[in-house]
Amino acid sequence: MSRELRVIKADGEEETFDPSKLEASLARAGASSAARAHIIAHMMKALEPAPLTTSEIYRRAFELLKKREGAPVAARYSIKRAIFDLGPSGYPFEQFFAEVMRSHGWQARHSVILTGRCVTHEVDVLAKKGGKRIGIEAKFHNTPGIKTDVKDALYVRARYQDLAEATDPDDHVDQGWLVTNTRFTEDAIRYGECAGLPMISWDYPRRGNLLELIEEGQVHPLTALTTLSPSEKQRLLDSRIVLCRAVGGSSQLLREHGVKPQRIPEIQDEARKLCGA
């Protein structure tokens, strides 16, 4: 009887390896059935001697996917990690989520100062559509395994209650949201559902989670591009460029940020294939 295969999660806990989860993420990225079968077989063989971390499984799967299917498919698979790479500060994530909201028909601004009934607040993202005004707290974590907890949910609800009671219509919000790029604790989810606080994480709620919003809006972070170096990505992020599609049609933009001309066609080709730039 074969030994149960185990993986080590980002929070240090072990769990049973579930090949169907890996296959689903590979399929969502556009990997062929042959590539999926090859990668899963590789992982099961690698896990036979001892557990691997989920980060190591991701790294190996990414490299195999890039080799077999090409950079654009590998880049789609890497979206979750690419969002971590928007850090270390949370500012690019705020910009990115504003773009996600725009892709779904909202007008959106980030880092907006509003005055509530009692005090002044800096709102990470202010989104408007159909006369409705939403204030969004974007809670960014730059490493896996860190969860947004109930203290954040309590804090956000209190802040946006103050803004809901603002006397100036330009400062008023109808609702507050809490958004994170990782996950929520069980207590945070329980409180949010009880208190009526809309919350969005990587895979919560079942419909309308962060991954789904990104895929449906066809917005991909700049950091998903595998043909850009880390330093090139950082220079672009420092210039408030957070979307993959921004570089697909602008060779001048890439030259201005230090990319050598001979590498630009390859980068633009990947950007167009990944995000339709």
C-alpha atoms as a PDB file:
ATOM      1  CA  MET A   1       0.000   0.000   0.000  1.00  0.00           C
ATOM      2  CA  SER A   2       1.496   3.352  -1.041  1.00  0.00           C
ATOM      3  CA  ARG A   3       2.226   6.060   1.515  1.00  0.00           C
ATOM      4  CA  GLU A   4      -0.185   9.008   1.679  1.00  0.00           C
ATOM      5  CA  LEU A   5       1.382  11.995  -0.081  1.00  0.00           C
ATOM      6  CA  ARG A   6       1.572  15.138   2.048  1.00  0.00           C
ATOM      7  CA  VAL A   7       2.227  18.820   1.383  1.00  0.00           C
ATOM      8  CA  ILE A   8       3.250  21.633   3.732  1.00  0.00           C
ATOM      9  CA  LYS A   9       0.996  24.679   3.453  1.00  0.00           C
ATOM     10  CA  ALA A  10       2.177  28.286   3.672  1.00  0.00           C
ATOM     11  CA  ASP A  11       1.118  28.462   7.337  1.00  0.00           C
ATOM     12  CA  GLY A  12       3.296  25.434   8.190  1.00  0.00           C
ATOM     13  CA  GLU A  13       0.482  22.903   8.538  1.00  0.00           C
ATOM     14  CA  GLU A  14       0.504  19.636   6.595  1.00  0.00           C
ATOM     15  CA  GLU A  15      -2.338  18.294   4.511  1.00  0.00           C
ATOM     16  CA  THR A  16      -2.938  15.478   2.046  1.00  0.00           C
ATOM     17  CA  PHE A  17      -1.841  16.255  -1.491  1.00  0.00           C
ATOM     18  CA  ASP A  18      -4.914  16.662  -3.711  1.00  0.00           C
ATOM     19  CA  PRO A  19      -3.959  16.293  -7.392  1.00  0.00           C
ATOM     20  CA  SER A  20      -7.364  17.615  -8.493  1.00  0.00           C
ATOM     21  CA  LYS A  21      -6.561  21.056  -7.036  1.00  0.00           C
ATOM     22  CA  LEU A  22      -3.314  21.251  -8.995  1.00  0.00           C
ATOM     23  CA  GLU A  23      -5.028  20.001 -12.149  1.00  0.00           C
ATOM     24  CA  ALA A  24      -7.785  22.622 -11.796  1.00  0.00           C
ATOM     25  CA  SER A  25      -5.273  25.472 -11.485  1.00  0.00           C
ATOM     26  CA  LEU A  26      -3.282  24.157 -14.464  1.00  0.00           C
ATOM     27  CA  ALA A  27      -6.449  23.810 -16.547  1.00  0.00           C
ATOM     28  CA  ARG A  28      -7.539  27.329 -15.633  1.00  0.00           C
ATOM     29  CA  ALA A  29      -4.190  28.585 -16.944  1.00  0.00           C
ATOM     30  CA  GLY A  30      -4.839  26.841 -20.269  1.00  0.00           C
ATOM     31  CA  ALA A  31      -2.500  23.842 -19.907  1.00  0.00           C
ATOM     32  CA  SER A  32      -3.206  20.891 -22.202  1.00  0.00           C
ATOM     33  CA  SER A  33      -4.391  17.592 -20.748  1.00  0.00           C
ATOM     34  CA  ALA A  34      -1.017  16.026 -21.633  1.00  0.00           C
ATOM     35  CA  ALA A  35       0.871  18.771 -19.777  1.00  0.00           C
ATOM     36  CA  ARG A  36      -1.422  18.477 -16.760  1.00  0.00           C
ATOM     37  CA  ALA A  37      -0.898  14.710 -16.577  1.00  0.00           C
ATOM     38  CA  HIS A  38       2.874  15.105 -16.919  1.00  0.00           C
ATOM     39  CA  ILE A  39       3.124  17.742 -14.181  1.00  0.00           C
ATOM     40  CA  ILE A  40       0.899  15.851 -11.746  1.00  0.00           C
ATOM     41  CA  ALA A  41       2.900  12.640 -12.286  1.00  0.00           C
ATOM     42  CA  HIS A  42       6.110  14.594 -11.656  1.00  0.00           C
ATOM     43  CA  MET A  43       4.733  16.031  -8.424  1.00  0.00           C
ATOM     44  CA  MET A  44       3.517  12.698  -7.108  1.00  0.00           C
ATOM     45  CA  LYS A  45       6.940  11.196  -7.736  1.00  0.00           C
ATOM     46  CA  ALA A  46       8.639  14.179  -6.041  1.00  0.00           C
ATOM     47  CA  LEU A  47       6.349  13.867  -2.996  1.00  0.00           C
ATOM     48  CA  GLU A  48       7.009  10.164  -2.516  1.00  0.00           C
ATOM     49  CA  PRO A  49      10.172  10.554  -0.378  1.00  0.00           C
ATOM     50  CA  ALA A  50       8.961  13.474   1.765  1.00  0.00           C
ATOM     51  CA  PRO A  51       6.425  16.349   1.819  1.00  0.00           C
ATOM     52  CA  LEU A  52       7.130  19.473  -0.233  1.00  0.00           C
ATOM     53  CA  THR A  53       5.949  22.981   0.551  1.00  0.00           C
ATOM     54  CA  THR A  54       3.189  24.415  -1.589  1.00  0.00           C
ATOM     55  CA  SER A  55       5.707  27.069  -2.708  1.00  0.00           C
ATOM     56  CA  GLU A  56       8.062  24.376  -3.998  1.00  0.00           C
ATOM     57  CA  ILE A  57       5.203  22.602  -5.782  1.00  0.00           C
ATOM     58  CA  TYR A  58       4.239  25.887  -7.396  1.00  0.00           C
ATOM     59  CA  ARG A  59       7.847  26.595  -8.464  1.00  0.00           C
ATOM     60  CA  ARG A  60       8.298  23.161 -10.027  1.00  0.00           C
ATOM     61  CA  ALA A  61       4.919  23.249 -11.759  1.00  0.00           C
ATOM     62  CA  PHE A  62       5.627  26.724 -13.118  1.00  0.00           C
ATOM     63  CA  GLU A  63       8.980  25.683 -14.593  1.00  0.00           C
ATOM     64  CA  LEU A  64       7.521  22.530 -16.165  1.00  0.00           C
ATOM     65  CA  LEU A  65       4.573  24.476 -17.551  1.00  0.00           C
ATOM     66  CA  LYS A  66       6.780  27.176 -19.034  1.00  0.00           C
ATOM     67  CA  LYS A  67       8.978  24.530 -20.689  1.00  0.00           C
ATOM     68  CA  ARG A  68       6.106  22.466 -22.144  1.00  0.00           C
ATOM     69  CA  GLU A  69       3.419  25.072 -22.883  1.00  0.00           C
ATOM     70  CA  GLY A  70       5.266  28.378 -23.161  1.00  0.00           C
ATOM     71  CA  ALA A  71       5.504  31.601 -21.174  1.00  0.00           C
ATOM     72  CA  PRO A  72       1.905  32.882 -21.589  1.00  0.00           C
ATOM     73  CA  VAL A  73       0.351  29.740 -20.076  1.00  0.00           C
ATOM     74  CA  ALA A  74       2.932  29.773 -17.277  1.00  0.00           C
ATOM     75  CA  ALA A  75       2.166  33.447 -16.647  1.00  0.00           C
ATOM     76  CA  ARG A  76      -1.569  32.709 -16.258  1.00  0.00           C
ATOM     77  CA  TYR A  77      -0.715  29.979 -13.770  1.00  0.00           C
ATOM     78  CA  SER A  78       1.406  32.469 -11.813  1.00  0.00           C
ATOM     79  CA  ILE A  79      -1.223  35.192 -11.276  1.00  0.00           C
ATOM     80  CA  LYS A  80      -1.533  34.585  -7.524  1.00  0.00           C
ATOM     81  CA  ARG A  81       2.242  34.810  -7.076  1.00  0.00           C
ATOM     82  CA  ALA A  82       2.359  37.788  -9.410  1.00  0.00           C
ATOM     83  CA  ILE A  83       0.042  39.680  -7.078  1.00  0.00           C
ATOM     84  CA  PHE A  84       2.402  38.958  -4.162  1.00  0.00           C
ATOM     85  CA  ASP A  85       5.146  40.476  -6.322  1.00  0.00           C
ATOM     86  CA  LEU A  86       3.234  43.763  -6.457  1.00  0.00           C
ATOM     87  CA  GLY A  87       4.682  44.423  -2.979  1.00  0.00           C
ATOM     88  CA  PRO A  88       6.388  44.991  -0.670  1.00  0.00           C
ATOM     89  CA  SER A  89       4.106  47.984  -0.033  1.00  0.00           C
ATOM     90  CA  GLY A  90       0.370  47.715  -0.516  1.00  0.00           C
ATOM     91  CA  TYR A  91       0.171  50.726  -2.808  1.00  0.00           C
ATOM     92  CA  PRO A  92       0.451  48.876  -6.167  1.00  0.00           C
ATOM     93  CA  PHE A  93      -2.215  46.408  -4.985  1.00  0.00           C
ATOM     94  CA  GLU A  94      -4.580  49.328  -4.362  1.00  0.00           C
ATOM     95  CA  GLN A  95      -3.899  50.546  -7.911  1.00  0.00           C
ATOM     96  CA  PHE A  96      -4.382  47.053  -9.278  1.00  0.00           C
ATOM     97  CA  PHE A  97      -7.703  46.514  -7.510  1.00  0.00           C
ATOM     98  CA  ALA A  98      -8.925  49.878  -8.802  1.00  0.00           C
ATOM     99  CA  GLU A  99      -8.181  48.518 -12.302  1.00  0.00           C
ATOM    100  CA  VAL A 100     -10.111  45.352 -11.477  1.00  0.00           C
ATOM    101  CA  MET A 101     -13.115  47.453 -10.495  1.00  0.00           C
ATOM    102  CA  ARG A 102     -12.844  49.520 -13.706  1.00  0.00           C
ATOM    103  CA  SER A 103     -12.844  46.303 -15.728  1.00  0.00           C
ATOM    104  CA  HIS A 104     -16.271  45.565 -14.213  1.00  0.00           C
ATOM    105  CA  GLY A 105     -17.760  48.926 -15.129  1.00  0.00           C
ATOM    106  CA  TRP A 106     -16.981  50.947 -12.015  1.00  0.00           C
ATOM    107  CA  GLN A 107     -15.368  54.363 -11.901  1.00  0.00           C
ATOM    108  CA  ALA A 108     -12.509  53.965  -9.443  1.00  0.00           C
ATOM    109  CA  ARG A 109      -9.869  56.102  -7.742  1.00  0.00           C
ATOM    110  CA  HIS A 110      -7.299  55.039  -5.183  1.00  0.00           C
ATOM    111  CA  SER A 111      -5.871  56.795  -2.095  1.00  0.00           C
ATOM    112  CA  VAL A 112      -8.824  59.140  -1.624  1.00  0.00           C
ATOM    113  CA  ILE A 113      -9.245  61.326   1.488  1.00  0.00           C
ATOM    114  CA  LEU A 114     -12.840  61.502   2.791  1.00  0.00           C
ATOM    115  CA  THR A 115     -14.271  63.084   5.929  1.00  0.00           C
ATOM    116  CA  GLY A 116     -16.761  61.084   7.941  1.00  0.00           C
ATOM    117  CA  ARG A 117     -19.137  62.274  10.630  1.00  0.00           C
ATOM    118  CA  CYS A 118     -16.361  62.055  13.233  1.00  0.00           C
ATOM    119  CA  VAL A 119     -12.911  61.883  11.587  1.00  0.00           C
ATOM    120  CA  THR A 120     -11.060  61.941   8.271  1.00  0.00           C
ATOM    121  CA  HIS A 121     -10.164  58.669   6.506  1.00  0.00           C
ATOM    122  CA  GLU A 122      -7.825  57.644   3.692  1.00  0.00           C
ATOM    123  CA  VAL A 123      -9.801  55.280   1.482  1.00  0.00           C
ATOM    124  CA  ASP A 124      -7.707  52.796  -0.499  1.00  0.00           C
ATOM    125  CA  VAL A 125     -10.183  52.608  -3.397  1.00  0.00           C
ATOM    126  CA  LEU A 126     -13.350  54.641  -3.977  1.00  0.00           C
ATOM    127  CA  ALA A 127     -15.601  53.043  -6.600  1.00  0.00           C
ATOM    128  CA  LYS A 128     -18.798  54.480  -8.110  1.00  0.00           C
ATOM    129  CA  LYS A 129     -21.410  52.955 -10.395  1.00  0.00           C
ATOM    130  CA  GLY A 130     -25.106  53.610 -10.904  1.00  0.00           C
ATOM    131  CA  GLY A 131     -25.205  56.194  -8.138  1.00  0.00           C
ATOM    132  CA  LYS A 132     -23.674  53.790  -5.605  1.00  0.00           C
ATOM    133  CA  ARG A 133     -20.425  54.706  -3.805  1.00  0.00           C
ATOM    134  CA  ILE A 134     -18.232  51.953  -2.375  1.00  0.00           C
ATOM    135  CA  GLY A 135     -15.227  52.491  -0.089  1.00  0.00           C
ATOM    136  CA  ILE A 136     -12.719  49.647  -0.271  1.00  0.00           C
ATOM    137  CA  GLU A 137     -10.005  48.695   2.209  1.00  0.00           C
ATOM    138  CA  ALA A 138      -7.320  46.758   0.264  1.00  0.00           C
ATOM    139  CA  LYS A 139      -5.397  44.585   2.716  1.00  0.00           C
ATOM    140  CA  PHE A 140      -2.206  43.420   1.010  1.00  0.00           C
ATOM    141  CA  HIS A 141       0.098  40.641   2.221  1.00  0.00           C
ATOM    142  CA  ASN A 142       3.332  39.957   0.339  1.00  0.00           C
ATOM    143  CA  THR A 143       3.804  36.385   1.574  1.00  0.00           C
ATOM    144  CA  PRO A 144       1.440  33.380   1.466  1.00  0.00           C
ATOM    145  CA  GLY A 145      -0.021  32.000   4.665  1.00  0.00           C
ATOM    146  CA  ILE A 146      -0.862  35.350   6.283  1.00  0.00           C
ATOM    147  CA  LYS A 147      -4.606  35.726   6.749  1.00  0.00           C
ATOM    148  CA  THR A 148      -6.698  38.844   7.248  1.00  0.00           C
ATOM    149  CA  ASP A 149      -8.420  38.461  10.601  1.00  0.00           C
ATOM    150  CA  VAL A 150     -11.533  39.650  12.416  1.00  0.00           C
ATOM    151  CA  LYS A 151      -9.792  42.773  13.790  1.00  0.00           C
ATOM    152  CA  ASP A 152      -9.492  44.084  10.232  1.00  0.00           C
ATOM    153  CA  ALA A 153     -13.160  43.338   9.560  1.00  0.00           C
ATOM    154  CA  LEU A 154     -14.212  45.180  12.736  1.00  0.00           C
ATOM    155  CA  TYR A 155     -11.989  48.129  11.851  1.00  0.00           C
ATOM    156  CA  VAL A 156     -13.295  48.405   8.299  1.00  0.00           C
ATOM    157  CA  ARG A 157     -16.938  48.238   9.344  1.00  0.00           C
ATOM    158  CA  ALA A 158     -16.405  51.014  11.909  1.00  0.00           C
ATOM    159  CA  ARG A 159     -14.564  53.249   9.396  1.00  0.00           C
ATOM    160  CA  TYR A 160     -17.221  52.959   6.749  1.00  0.00           C
ATOM    161  CA  GLN A 161     -20.045  53.433   9.192  1.00  0.00           C
ATOM    162  CA  ASP A 162     -18.454  56.823   9.960  1.00  0.00           C
ATOM    163  CA  LEU A 163     -18.294  57.628   6.233  1.00  0.00           C
ATOM    164  CA  ALA A 164     -21.862  56.407   5.692  1.00  0.00           C
ATOM    165  CA  GLU A 165     -22.909  59.149   8.143  1.00  0.00           C
ATOM    166  CA  ALA A 166     -20.822  61.904   6.483  1.00  0.00           C
ATOM    167  CA  THR A 167     -22.665  65.216   6.156  1.00  0.00           C
ATOM    168  CA  ASP A 168     -21.090  66.136   2.794  1.00  0.00           C
ATOM    169  CA  PRO A 169     -22.435  63.998  -0.108  1.00  0.00           C
ATOM    170  CA  ASP A 170     -18.953  64.018  -1.688  1.00  0.00           C
ATOM    171  CA  ASP A 171     -17.606  62.223   1.394  1.00  0.00           C
ATOM    172  CA  HIS A 172     -20.479  59.785   1.775  1.00  0.00           C
ATOM    173  CA  VAL A 173     -20.141  56.072   0.977  1.00  0.00           C
ATOM    174  CA  ASP A 174     -23.042  53.648   0.768  1.00  0.00           C
ATOM    175  CA  GLN A 175     -21.010  50.608   1.699  1.00  0.00           C
ATOM    176  CA  GLY A 176     -17.524  49.484   2.752  1.00  0.00           C
ATOM    177  CA  TRP A 177     -15.717  46.425   1.405  1.00  0.00           C
ATOM    178  CA  LEU A 178     -12.708  44.523   2.740  1.00  0.00           C
ATOM    179  CA  VAL A 179     -10.459  43.005   0.055  1.00  0.00           C
ATOM    180  CA  THR A 180      -7.305  40.930   0.514  1.00  0.00           C
ATOM    181  CA  ASN A 181      -4.979  39.049  -1.815  1.00  0.00           C
ATOM    182  CA  THR A 182      -4.697  36.083   0.566  1.00  0.00           C
ATOM    183  CA  ARG A 183      -7.460  34.578   2.719  1.00  0.00           C
ATOM    184  CA  PHE A 184      -9.639  35.450   5.706  1.00  0.00           C
ATOM    185  CA  THR A 185      -9.719  33.680   9.045  1.00  0.00           C
ATOM    186  CA  GLU A 186     -12.897  31.784   9.893  1.00  0.00           C
ATOM    187  CA  ASP A 187     -13.782  34.389  12.519  1.00  0.00           C
ATOM    188  CA  ALA A 188     -13.417  37.203   9.979  1.00  0.00           C
ATOM    189  CA  ILE A 189     -15.759  35.426   7.562  1.00  0.00           C
ATOM    190  CA  ARG A 190     -18.249  34.674  10.338  1.00  0.00           C
ATOM    191  CA  TYR A 191     -18.262  38.305  11.432  1.00  0.00           C
ATOM    192  CA  GLY A 192     -18.486  39.676   7.887  1.00  0.00           C
ATOM    193  CA  GLU A 193     -21.464  37.467   7.059  1.00  0.00           C
ATOM    194  CA  CYS A 194     -23.204  38.341  10.333  1.00  0.00           C
ATOM    195  CA  ALA A 195     -22.522  42.090  10.091  1.00  0.00           C
ATOM    196  CA  GLY A 196     -23.258  42.396   6.366  1.00  0.00           C
ATOM    197  CA  LEU A 197     -19.701  43.455   5.483  1.00  0.00           C
ATOM    198  CA  PRO A 198     -18.826  42.465   1.885  1.00  0.00           C
ATOM    199  CA  MET A 199     -15.422  40.746   1.841  1.00  0.00           C
ATOM    200  CA  ILE A 200     -13.337  39.469  -1.068  1.00  0.00           C
ATOM    201  CA  SER A 201     -10.254  37.268  -0.873  1.00  0.00           C
ATOM    202  CA  TRP A 202      -8.379  35.086  -3.337  1.00  0.00           C
ATOM    203  CA  ASP A 203     -11.057  32.370  -3.212  1.00  0.00           C
ATOM    204  CA  TYR A 204     -13.889  33.914  -1.157  1.00  0.00           C
ATOM    205  CA  PRO A 205     -16.793  34.190  -1.766  1.00  0.00           C
ATOM    206  CA  ARG A 206     -17.458  31.240  -4.036  1.00  0.00           C
ATOM    207  CA  ARG A 207     -18.709  33.649  -6.723  1.00  0.00           C
ATOM    208  CA  GLY A 208     -17.067  37.023  -7.156  1.00  0.00           C
ATOM    209  CA  ASN A 209     -13.754  36.196  -5.469  1.00  0.00           C
ATOM    210  CA  LEU A 210     -10.527  37.973  -6.442  1.00  0.00           C
ATOM    211  CA  LEU A 211      -9.354  35.322  -8.905  1.00  0.00           C
ATOM    212  CA  GLU A 212     -12.734  35.301 -10.652  1.00  0.00           C
ATOM    213  CA  LEU A 213     -12.874  39.105 -10.831  1.00  0.00           C
ATOM    214  CA  ILE A 214      -9.391  39.185 -12.394  1.00  0.00           C
ATOM    215  CA  GLU A 215     -10.162  36.499 -14.950  1.00  0.00           C
ATOM    216  CA  GLU A 216     -13.589  37.865 -15.901  1.00  0.00           C
ATOM    217  CA  GLY A 217     -12.212  41.405 -16.180  1.00  0.00           C
ATOM    218  CA  GLN A 218      -9.181  40.158 -18.133  1.00  0.00           C
ATOM    219  CA  VAL A 219      -6.832  42.294 -16.070  1.00  0.00           C
ATOM    220  CA  HIS A 220      -3.463  40.759 -15.343  1.00  0.00           C
ATOM    221  CA  PRO A 221      -0.756  42.220 -13.117  1.00  0.00           C
ATOM    222  CA  LEU A 222       2.406  43.418 -14.816  1.00  0.00           C
ATOM    223  CA  THR A 223       4.351  41.101 -12.522  1.00  0.00           C
ATOM    224  CA  ALA A 224       2.849  38.036 -14.259  1.00  0.00           C
ATOM    225  CA  LEU A 225       5.128  38.642 -17.252  1.00  0.00           C
ATOM    226  CA  THR A 226       7.957  36.122 -17.229  1.00  0.00           C
ATOM    227  CA  THR A 227      10.048  38.001 -19.807  1.00  0.00           C
ATOM    228  CA  LEU A 228      10.599  41.062 -17.588  1.00  0.00           C
ATOM    229  CA  SER A 229      13.359  40.984 -14.968  1.00  0.00           C
ATOM    230  CA  PRO A 230      12.526  41.783 -11.318  1.00  0.00           C
ATOM    231  CA  SER A 231      14.324  45.135 -11.562  1.00  0.00           C
ATOM    232  CA  GLU A 232      12.425  46.075 -14.739  1.00  0.00           C
ATOM    233  CA  LYS A 233       9.132  45.199 -13.087  1.00  0.00           C
ATOM    234  CA  GLN A 234      10.029  47.319 -10.073  1.00  0.00           C
ATOM    235  CA  ARG A 235      10.896  50.347 -12.206  1.00  0.00           C
ATOM    236  CA  LEU A 236       7.532  50.087 -13.943  1.00  0.00           C
ATOM    237  CA  LEU A 237       5.676  49.639 -10.632  1.00  0.00           C
ATOM    238  CA  ASP A 238       7.479  52.676  -9.235  1.00  0.00           C
ATOM    239  CA  SER A 239       6.002  54.614 -12.178  1.00  0.00           C
ATOM    240  CA  ARG A 240       2.516  53.376 -11.202  1.00  0.00           C
ATOM    241  CA  ILE A 241       2.266  50.948 -14.118  1.00  0.00           C
ATOM    242  CA  VAL A 242       0.572  47.812 -12.745  1.00  0.00           C
ATOM    243  CA  LEU A 243      -1.096  46.124 -15.728  1.00  0.00           C
ATOM    244  CA  CYS A 244       0.410  43.682 -18.179  1.00  0.00           C
ATOM    245  CA  ARG A 245      -1.457  45.220 -21.100  1.00  0.00           C
ATOM    246  CA  ALA A 246       0.204  48.606 -20.520  1.00  0.00           C
ATOM    247  CA  VAL A 247       3.463  47.324 -22.006  1.00  0.00           C
ATOM    248  CA  GLY A 248       1.984  45.294 -24.867  1.00  0.00           C
ATOM    249  CA  GLY A 249       1.526  48.188 -27.235  1.00  0.00           C
ATOM    250  CA  SER A 250       4.167  50.660 -26.106  1.00  0.00           C
ATOM    251  CA  SER A 251       7.784  49.971 -26.990  1.00  0.00           C
ATOM    252  CA  GLN A 252       8.577  53.551 -25.969  1.00  0.00           C
ATOM    253  CA  LEU A 253       7.352  52.873 -22.437  1.00  0.00           C
ATOM    254  CA  LEU A 254       9.660  49.882 -22.124  1.00  0.00           C
ATOM    255  CA  ARG A 255      12.645  51.791 -23.511  1.00  0.00           C
ATOM    256  CA  GLU A 256      12.015  54.629 -21.048  1.00  0.00           C
ATOM    257  CA  HIS A 257      12.216  52.113 -18.207  1.00  0.00           C
ATOM    258  CA  GLY A 258      15.551  50.659 -19.226  1.00  0.00           C
ATOM    259  CA  VAL A 259      14.529  47.623 -21.285  1.00  0.00           C
ATOM    260  CA  LYS A 260      17.033  46.876 -24.042  1.00  0.00           C
ATOM    261  CA  PRO A 261      15.482  47.292 -27.537  1.00  0.00           C
ATOM    262  CA  GLN A 262      16.340  43.750 -28.664  1.00  0.00           C
ATOM    263  CA  ARG A 263      14.240  42.282 -25.806  1.00  0.00           C
ATOM    264  CA  ILE A 264      11.148  44.423 -26.381  1.00  0.00           C
ATOM    265  CA  PRO A 265       9.476  42.279 -29.112  1.00  0.00           C
ATOM    266  CA  GLU A 266       9.597  39.168 -26.900  1.00  0.00           C
ATOM    267  CA  ILE A 267       8.098  41.058 -23.941  1.00  0.00           C
ATOM    268  CA  GLN A 268       5.340  42.585 -26.048  1.00  0.00           C
ATOM    269  CA  ASP A 269       4.541  39.226 -27.634  1.00  0.00           C
ATOM    270  CA  GLU A 270       4.080  37.657 -24.189  1.00  0.00           C
ATOM    271  CA  ALA A 271       1.967  40.625 -23.019  1.00  0.00           C
ATOM    272  CA  ARG A 272      -0.336  40.311 -26.033  1.00  0.00           C
ATOM    273  CA  LYS A 273      -0.731  36.556 -25.601  1.00  0.00           C
ATOM    274  CA  LEU A 274      -1.312  36.803 -21.856  1.00  0.00           C
ATOM    275  CA  CYS A 275      -3.655  39.758 -21.644  1.00  0.00           C
ATOM    276  CA  GLY A 276      -4.655  40.740 -25.170  1.00  0.00           C
ATOM    277  CA  ALA A 277      -2.614  43.929 -25.035  1.00  0.00           C
END
